[in-house]
């Protein structure tokens, strides 16, 4: 079974985001750039981008554009040791 084009685009864009090509807060491709890059219609691009927004990879601001989300999704998080103090009962 073939993978739908919007899902192929979504997966490719997700790889670019995770790879570090974009930093958190960077402006993402415009709809026109994505249409040209993947040679697809607006509907296909919009669906891919909406899914990435829903998944937490992107955030859209009306009149400003689409940006890389600052969420921690798929980003390694370093945990540190916590020192635990016992309750002293007097």
C-alpha atoms as a PDB file:
ATOM      1  CA  UNK A   1       0.000   0.000   0.000  1.00  0.00           C
ATOM      2  CA  UNK A   2       1.348   3.407  -0.974  1.00  0.00           C
ATOM      3  CA  UNK A   3       1.955   6.046   1.668  1.00  0.00           C
ATOM      4  CA  UNK A   4      -0.148   9.180   0.986  1.00  0.00           C
ATOM      5  CA  UNK A   5       1.833  12.152  -0.342  1.00  0.00           C
ATOM      6  CA  UNK A   6       0.895  14.405   2.607  1.00  0.00           C
ATOM      7  CA  UNK A   7       2.277  11.789   5.010  1.00  0.00           C
ATOM      8  CA  UNK A   8       5.504  11.423   3.003  1.00  0.00           C
ATOM      9  CA  UNK A   9       5.958  15.208   3.178  1.00  0.00           C
ATOM     10  CA  UNK A  10       5.116  15.258   6.883  1.00  0.00           C
ATOM     11  CA  UNK A  11       7.698  12.549   7.599  1.00  0.00           C
ATOM     12  CA  UNK A  12      10.373  14.337   5.538  1.00  0.00           C
ATOM     13  CA  UNK A  13       9.742  17.633   7.325  1.00  0.00           C
ATOM     14  CA  UNK A  14       9.749  15.914  10.712  1.00  0.00           C
ATOM     15  CA  UNK A  15      13.184  14.433   9.900  1.00  0.00           C
ATOM     16  CA  UNK A  16      14.486  17.906   9.017  1.00  0.00           C
ATOM     17  CA  UNK A  17      13.187  19.323  12.309  1.00  0.00           C
ATOM     18  CA  UNK A  18      14.567  16.478  14.438  1.00  0.00           C
ATOM     19  CA  UNK A  19      17.931  16.508  12.641  1.00  0.00           C
ATOM     20  CA  UNK A  20      18.645  20.010  13.927  1.00  0.00           C
ATOM     21  CA  UNK A  21      18.393  21.773  10.569  1.00  0.00           C
ATOM     22  CA  UNK A  22      16.126  24.249  12.339  1.00  0.00           C
ATOM     23  CA  UNK A  23      16.556  25.613  15.842  1.00  0.00           C
ATOM     24  CA  UNK A  24      13.612  26.069  18.164  1.00  0.00           C
ATOM     25  CA  UNK A  25      11.869  29.340  17.368  1.00  0.00           C
ATOM     26  CA  UNK A  26      13.210  29.512  13.775  1.00  0.00           C
ATOM     27  CA  UNK A  27      10.832  30.498  11.004  1.00  0.00           C
ATOM     28  CA  UNK A  28       9.758  27.448   8.990  1.00  0.00           C
ATOM     29  CA  UNK A  29       9.145  27.133   5.258  1.00  0.00           C
ATOM     30  CA  UNK A  30       6.258  29.118   3.794  1.00  0.00           C
ATOM     31  CA  UNK A  31       3.389  27.337   2.079  1.00  0.00           C
ATOM     32  CA  UNK A  32       4.700  28.536  -1.300  1.00  0.00           C
ATOM     33  CA  UNK A  33       8.183  27.184  -0.554  1.00  0.00           C
ATOM     34  CA  UNK A  34       6.776  23.795   0.430  1.00  0.00           C
ATOM     35  CA  UNK A  35       4.572  23.639  -2.677  1.00  0.00           C
ATOM     36  CA  UNK A  36       7.631  24.264  -4.836  1.00  0.00           C
ATOM     37  CA  UNK A  37       9.945  21.986  -2.854  1.00  0.00           C
ATOM     38  CA  UNK A  38       7.622  18.969  -3.076  1.00  0.00           C
ATOM     39  CA  UNK A  39       5.777  19.904  -6.284  1.00  0.00           C
ATOM     40  CA  UNK A  40       2.338  19.451  -4.694  1.00  0.00           C
ATOM     41  CA  UNK A  41      -0.880  21.406  -4.201  1.00  0.00           C
ATOM     42  CA  UNK A  42      -1.685  23.796  -1.358  1.00  0.00           C
ATOM     43  CA  UNK A  43      -4.127  21.281   0.120  1.00  0.00           C
ATOM     44  CA  UNK A  44      -1.387  18.658   0.479  1.00  0.00           C
ATOM     45  CA  UNK A  45       1.035  21.133   2.072  1.00  0.00           C
ATOM     46  CA  UNK A  46      -1.603  22.491   4.463  1.00  0.00           C
ATOM     47  CA  UNK A  47      -2.526  19.002   5.647  1.00  0.00           C
ATOM     48  CA  UNK A  48       1.120  18.104   6.311  1.00  0.00           C
ATOM     49  CA  UNK A  49       1.767  21.329   8.221  1.00  0.00           C
ATOM     50  CA  UNK A  50      -1.475  21.045  10.240  1.00  0.00           C
ATOM     51  CA  UNK A  51      -0.477  17.532  11.315  1.00  0.00           C
ATOM     52  CA  UNK A  52       2.970  18.774  12.403  1.00  0.00           C
ATOM     53  CA  UNK A  53       1.326  21.582  14.387  1.00  0.00           C
ATOM     54  CA  UNK A  54      -1.032  19.090  16.025  1.00  0.00           C
ATOM     55  CA  UNK A  55       1.934  16.827  16.877  1.00  0.00           C
ATOM     56  CA  UNK A  56       3.767  19.743  18.530  1.00  0.00           C
ATOM     57  CA  UNK A  57       6.613  20.221  16.038  1.00  0.00           C
ATOM     58  CA  UNK A  58       5.413  23.542  14.640  1.00  0.00           C
ATOM     59  CA  UNK A  59       3.450  26.551  15.812  1.00  0.00           C
ATOM     60  CA  UNK A  60       1.615  28.983  13.529  1.00  0.00           C
ATOM     61  CA  UNK A  61       1.063  32.689  14.132  1.00  0.00           C
ATOM     62  CA  UNK A  62      -1.484  34.373  11.901  1.00  0.00           C
ATOM     63  CA  UNK A  63       0.137  37.058   9.778  1.00  0.00           C
ATOM     64  CA  UNK A  64       3.655  36.072  10.873  1.00  0.00           C
ATOM     65  CA  UNK A  65       4.208  32.535   9.656  1.00  0.00           C
ATOM     66  CA  UNK A  66       5.044  29.062  10.902  1.00  0.00           C
ATOM     67  CA  UNK A  67       7.808  28.478  13.438  1.00  0.00           C
ATOM     68  CA  UNK A  68       9.612  25.549  15.019  1.00  0.00           C
ATOM     69  CA  UNK A  69       7.908  24.762  18.312  1.00  0.00           C
ATOM     70  CA  UNK A  70       9.784  25.148  21.558  1.00  0.00           C
ATOM     71  CA  UNK A  71       8.212  21.954  22.874  1.00  0.00           C
ATOM     72  CA  UNK A  72      10.494  19.195  24.088  1.00  0.00           C
ATOM     73  CA  UNK A  73       9.142  16.633  21.605  1.00  0.00           C
ATOM     74  CA  UNK A  74      11.849  14.229  20.384  1.00  0.00           C
ATOM     75  CA  UNK A  75      14.527  16.260  22.129  1.00  0.00           C
ATOM     76  CA  UNK A  76      16.844  14.566  24.551  1.00  0.00           C
ATOM     77  CA  UNK A  77      16.359  15.690  28.097  1.00  0.00           C
ATOM     78  CA  UNK A  78      19.203  15.428  30.580  1.00  0.00           C
ATOM     79  CA  UNK A  79      18.168  14.346  34.038  1.00  0.00           C
ATOM     80  CA  UNK A  80      20.260  15.147  37.044  1.00  0.00           C
ATOM     81  CA  UNK A  81      20.532  13.457  40.405  1.00  0.00           C
ATOM     82  CA  UNK A  82      18.319  14.898  43.061  1.00  0.00           C
ATOM     83  CA  UNK A  83      19.502  14.972  46.596  1.00  0.00           C
ATOM     84  CA  UNK A  84      16.839  13.682  48.938  1.00  0.00           C
ATOM     85  CA  UNK A  85      16.722  14.860  52.512  1.00  0.00           C
ATOM     86  CA  UNK A  86      15.016  12.761  55.098  1.00  0.00           C
ATOM     87  CA  UNK A  87      12.528  14.391  57.409  1.00  0.00           C
ATOM     88  CA  UNK A  88      14.002  14.847  60.848  1.00  0.00           C
ATOM     89  CA  UNK A  89      11.517  14.257  63.567  1.00  0.00           C
ATOM     90  CA  UNK A  90      12.310  16.025  66.762  1.00  0.00           C
END
